[in-house]
Amino acid sequence: MTDAVEYIQSPLCQDFSAEGLTVSIDIYRTEDSDWILEIVDADNNSTVWEDHFETDTAALEEALDALKQEGIHAFVGSFS
């Protein structure tokens, strides 16, 4: 028997658009974990941070900073 893990979605989740592209900033956690940051493109390719965040605000700040510093193209497309 396996217990399903329930995720708590942050109210700070949002879409980010630049240069004609849009990604989703997903911030979530389990009841027993810190916040997880994931950026997902329109084709469902995702980038997940290895480090977790104490607050959802810190995760959002990291996402927006990464998108500004690296550009949205760094988070769009297949990474295989």
N, C-alpha and C. Protein backbone atom coordinates (compact mmCIF):
# COMPACT_ATOMS: atom_id res chain seq x y z
N MET A 1 0.84 -1.17 0.00
CA MET A 1 0.00 0.00 0.00
C MET A 1 0.89 1.24 0.00
N THR A 2 0.60 2.17 -0.90
CA THR A 2 1.38 3.40 -0.96
C THR A 2 0.49 4.57 -0.59
N ASP A 3 1.07 5.48 0.16
CA ASP A 3 0.36 6.70 0.51
C ASP A 3 0.64 7.74 -0.55
N ALA A 4 -0.40 8.38 -1.04
CA ALA A 4 -0.22 9.44 -2.03
C ALA A 4 0.32 10.69 -1.33
N VAL A 5 1.30 11.30 -1.96
CA VAL A 5 1.87 12.52 -1.43
C VAL A 5 0.99 13.69 -1.86
N GLU A 6 0.61 14.51 -0.91
CA GLU A 6 -0.20 15.68 -1.23
C GLU A 6 0.70 16.91 -1.26
N TYR A 7 0.59 17.67 -2.35
CA TYR A 7 1.39 18.87 -2.50
C TYR A 7 0.56 20.10 -2.17
N ILE A 8 1.20 21.05 -1.54
CA ILE A 8 0.58 22.33 -1.21
C ILE A 8 1.12 23.34 -2.22
N GLN A 9 0.24 23.92 -3.01
CA GLN A 9 0.61 24.88 -4.04
C GLN A 9 0.68 26.28 -3.43
N SER A 10 1.72 27.01 -3.74
CA SER A 10 1.86 28.39 -3.26
C SER A 10 0.92 29.31 -4.04
N PRO A 11 0.36 30.29 -3.35
CA PRO A 11 -0.45 31.29 -4.06
C PRO A 11 0.42 32.22 -4.92
N LEU A 12 1.74 32.10 -4.81
CA LEU A 12 2.65 32.93 -5.60
C LEU A 12 2.97 32.35 -6.97
N CYS A 13 2.46 31.15 -7.28
CA CYS A 13 2.67 30.56 -8.60
C CYS A 13 2.12 31.53 -9.65
N GLN A 14 2.84 31.61 -10.77
CA GLN A 14 2.41 32.55 -11.80
C GLN A 14 3.07 32.23 -13.12
N ASP A 15 2.52 32.81 -14.19
CA ASP A 15 3.13 32.73 -15.50
C ASP A 15 4.07 33.92 -15.66
N PHE A 16 5.13 33.69 -16.43
CA PHE A 16 6.11 34.74 -16.74
C PHE A 16 6.28 34.76 -18.24
N SER A 17 6.16 35.94 -18.85
CA SER A 17 6.30 36.06 -20.29
C SER A 17 7.39 37.06 -20.64
N ALA A 18 8.14 36.72 -21.67
CA ALA A 18 9.17 37.61 -22.21
C ALA A 18 9.52 37.13 -23.61
N GLU A 19 9.85 38.05 -24.48
CA GLU A 19 10.32 37.72 -25.83
C GLU A 19 9.37 36.78 -26.56
N GLY A 20 8.07 36.92 -26.33
CA GLY A 20 7.07 36.11 -27.00
C GLY A 20 6.92 34.71 -26.45
N LEU A 21 7.58 34.39 -25.34
CA LEU A 21 7.51 33.07 -24.72
C LEU A 21 6.91 33.19 -23.33
N THR A 22 6.30 32.11 -22.87
CA THR A 22 5.71 32.07 -21.52
C THR A 22 6.12 30.79 -20.82
N VAL A 23 6.48 30.92 -19.55
CA VAL A 23 6.75 29.77 -18.70
C VAL A 23 5.90 29.91 -17.44
N SER A 24 5.68 28.80 -16.77
CA SER A 24 4.97 28.81 -15.50
C SER A 24 5.97 28.66 -14.38
N ILE A 25 5.84 29.49 -13.38
CA ILE A 25 6.65 29.38 -12.17
C ILE A 25 5.80 28.62 -11.16
N ASP A 26 6.19 27.40 -10.86
CA ASP A 26 5.47 26.55 -9.92
C ASP A 26 6.26 26.47 -8.62
N ILE A 27 5.58 26.73 -7.52
CA ILE A 27 6.18 26.68 -6.19
C ILE A 27 5.27 25.82 -5.34
N TYR A 28 5.81 24.75 -4.77
CA TYR A 28 4.98 23.82 -4.01
C TYR A 28 5.82 23.12 -2.96
N ARG A 29 5.15 22.47 -2.04
CA ARG A 29 5.83 21.72 -0.99
C ARG A 29 4.90 20.63 -0.49
N THR A 30 5.47 19.70 0.26
CA THR A 30 4.66 18.75 1.00
C THR A 30 4.51 19.30 2.41
N GLU A 31 3.70 18.66 3.19
CA GLU A 31 3.50 19.11 4.57
C GLU A 31 4.80 19.09 5.36
N ASP A 32 5.73 18.20 4.97
CA ASP A 32 6.97 18.01 5.71
C ASP A 32 8.22 18.56 5.01
N SER A 33 8.06 19.35 3.96
CA SER A 33 9.24 19.82 3.23
C SER A 33 9.24 21.33 3.08
N ASP A 34 10.41 21.85 2.69
CA ASP A 34 10.50 23.26 2.31
C ASP A 34 9.92 23.41 0.90
N TRP A 35 9.91 24.63 0.42
CA TRP A 35 9.32 24.93 -0.89
C TRP A 35 10.21 24.46 -2.03
N ILE A 36 9.59 23.90 -3.05
CA ILE A 36 10.26 23.41 -4.25
C ILE A 36 9.93 24.39 -5.38
N LEU A 37 10.94 24.73 -6.17
CA LEU A 37 10.77 25.65 -7.29
C LEU A 37 10.94 24.89 -8.60
N GLU A 38 9.99 25.12 -9.50
CA GLU A 38 10.03 24.48 -10.81
C GLU A 38 9.55 25.49 -11.85
N ILE A 39 10.26 25.58 -12.95
CA ILE A 39 9.82 26.40 -14.08
C ILE A 39 9.48 25.46 -15.22
N VAL A 40 8.26 25.62 -15.77
CA VAL A 40 7.74 24.71 -16.79
C VAL A 40 7.39 25.50 -18.05
N ASP A 41 7.86 25.01 -19.22
CA ASP A 41 7.54 25.70 -20.46
C ASP A 41 6.24 25.15 -21.07
N ALA A 42 5.85 25.70 -22.20
CA ALA A 42 4.59 25.34 -22.85
C ALA A 42 4.54 23.88 -23.29
N ASP A 43 5.71 23.25 -23.51
CA ASP A 43 5.76 21.85 -23.93
C ASP A 43 5.94 20.90 -22.74
N ASN A 44 5.79 21.43 -21.54
CA ASN A 44 5.88 20.66 -20.29
C ASN A 44 7.32 20.23 -19.95
N ASN A 45 8.32 20.88 -20.55
CA ASN A 45 9.70 20.68 -20.13
C ASN A 45 9.88 21.47 -18.84
N SER A 46 10.60 20.90 -17.89
CA SER A 46 10.72 21.60 -16.62
C SER A 46 12.15 21.67 -16.12
N THR A 47 12.40 22.71 -15.35
CA THR A 47 13.65 22.90 -14.64
C THR A 47 13.30 22.96 -13.16
N VAL A 48 13.86 22.04 -12.38
CA VAL A 48 13.57 21.98 -10.95
C VAL A 48 14.86 22.29 -10.20
N TRP A 49 14.78 23.19 -9.26
CA TRP A 49 15.94 23.53 -8.43
C TRP A 49 16.21 22.40 -7.46
N GLU A 50 17.49 22.06 -7.31
CA GLU A 50 17.88 21.03 -6.35
C GLU A 50 17.71 21.51 -4.92
N ASP A 51 18.04 22.78 -4.68
CA ASP A 51 17.88 23.35 -3.35
C ASP A 51 16.43 23.73 -3.12
N HIS A 52 15.98 23.56 -1.91
CA HIS A 52 14.62 23.96 -1.55
C HIS A 52 14.69 25.27 -0.78
N PHE A 53 13.56 25.93 -0.61
CA PHE A 53 13.50 27.26 -0.04
C PHE A 53 12.64 27.26 1.22
N GLU A 54 13.06 28.06 2.20
CA GLU A 54 12.30 28.13 3.45
C GLU A 54 10.95 28.80 3.25
N THR A 55 10.88 29.77 2.33
CA THR A 55 9.62 30.46 2.07
C THR A 55 9.30 30.43 0.59
N ASP A 56 8.02 30.54 0.27
CA ASP A 56 7.62 30.60 -1.13
C ASP A 56 8.05 31.93 -1.75
N THR A 57 8.15 32.97 -0.94
CA THR A 57 8.62 34.26 -1.44
C THR A 57 10.07 34.16 -1.91
N ALA A 58 10.91 33.47 -1.15
CA ALA A 58 12.31 33.27 -1.55
C ALA A 58 12.40 32.48 -2.85
N ALA A 59 11.54 31.49 -3.02
CA ALA A 59 11.53 30.70 -4.25
C ALA A 59 11.13 31.56 -5.44
N LEU A 60 10.10 32.40 -5.27
CA LEU A 60 9.68 33.27 -6.35
C LEU A 60 10.78 34.26 -6.71
N GLU A 61 11.42 34.84 -5.72
CA GLU A 61 12.52 35.77 -5.98
C GLU A 61 13.64 35.10 -6.76
N GLU A 62 13.97 33.86 -6.42
CA GLU A 62 14.99 33.10 -7.14
C GLU A 62 14.58 32.87 -8.59
N ALA A 63 13.32 32.51 -8.82
CA ALA A 63 12.84 32.26 -10.18
C ALA A 63 12.92 33.53 -11.02
N LEU A 64 12.43 34.63 -10.49
CA LEU A 64 12.44 35.88 -11.24
C LEU A 64 13.86 36.35 -11.50
N ASP A 65 14.75 36.17 -10.54
CA ASP A 65 16.15 36.53 -10.72
C ASP A 65 16.80 35.67 -11.80
N ALA A 66 16.54 34.36 -11.77
CA ALA A 66 17.11 33.45 -12.77
C ALA A 66 16.60 33.79 -14.17
N LEU A 67 15.31 34.09 -14.28
CA LEU A 67 14.74 34.45 -15.58
C LEU A 67 15.35 35.75 -16.09
N LYS A 68 15.60 36.68 -15.19
CA LYS A 68 16.20 37.95 -15.59
C LYS A 68 17.67 37.76 -15.98
N GLN A 69 18.42 37.01 -15.17
CA GLN A 69 19.85 36.84 -15.40
C GLN A 69 20.15 35.92 -16.60
N GLU A 70 19.44 34.81 -16.70
CA GLU A 70 19.73 33.81 -17.73
C GLU A 70 18.88 33.98 -18.99
N GLY A 71 17.75 34.68 -18.85
CA GLY A 71 16.83 34.85 -19.97
C GLY A 71 15.85 33.69 -20.05
N ILE A 72 14.70 33.98 -20.59
CA ILE A 72 13.63 32.97 -20.65
C ILE A 72 14.02 31.79 -21.55
N HIS A 73 14.86 32.03 -22.55
CA HIS A 73 15.25 30.95 -23.46
C HIS A 73 15.99 29.82 -22.74
N ALA A 74 16.62 30.13 -21.63
CA ALA A 74 17.34 29.10 -20.85
C ALA A 74 16.37 28.10 -20.23
N PHE A 75 15.09 28.44 -20.19
CA PHE A 75 14.10 27.59 -19.53
C PHE A 75 13.04 27.06 -20.51
N VAL A 76 13.31 27.20 -21.79
CA VAL A 76 12.35 26.75 -22.81
C VAL A 76 13.05 25.73 -23.70
N GLY A 77 12.36 24.62 -23.95
CA GLY A 77 12.87 23.61 -24.87
C GLY A 77 13.31 22.35 -24.17
N SER A 78 13.63 21.37 -24.97
CA SER A 78 14.07 20.07 -24.47
C SER A 78 15.51 20.15 -23.98
N PHE A 79 15.78 19.49 -22.86
CA PHE A 79 17.12 19.54 -22.27
C PHE A 79 17.81 18.19 -22.32
N SER A 80 17.34 17.29 -23.15
CA SER A 80 17.96 15.95 -23.21
C SER A 80 19.13 15.93 -24.14
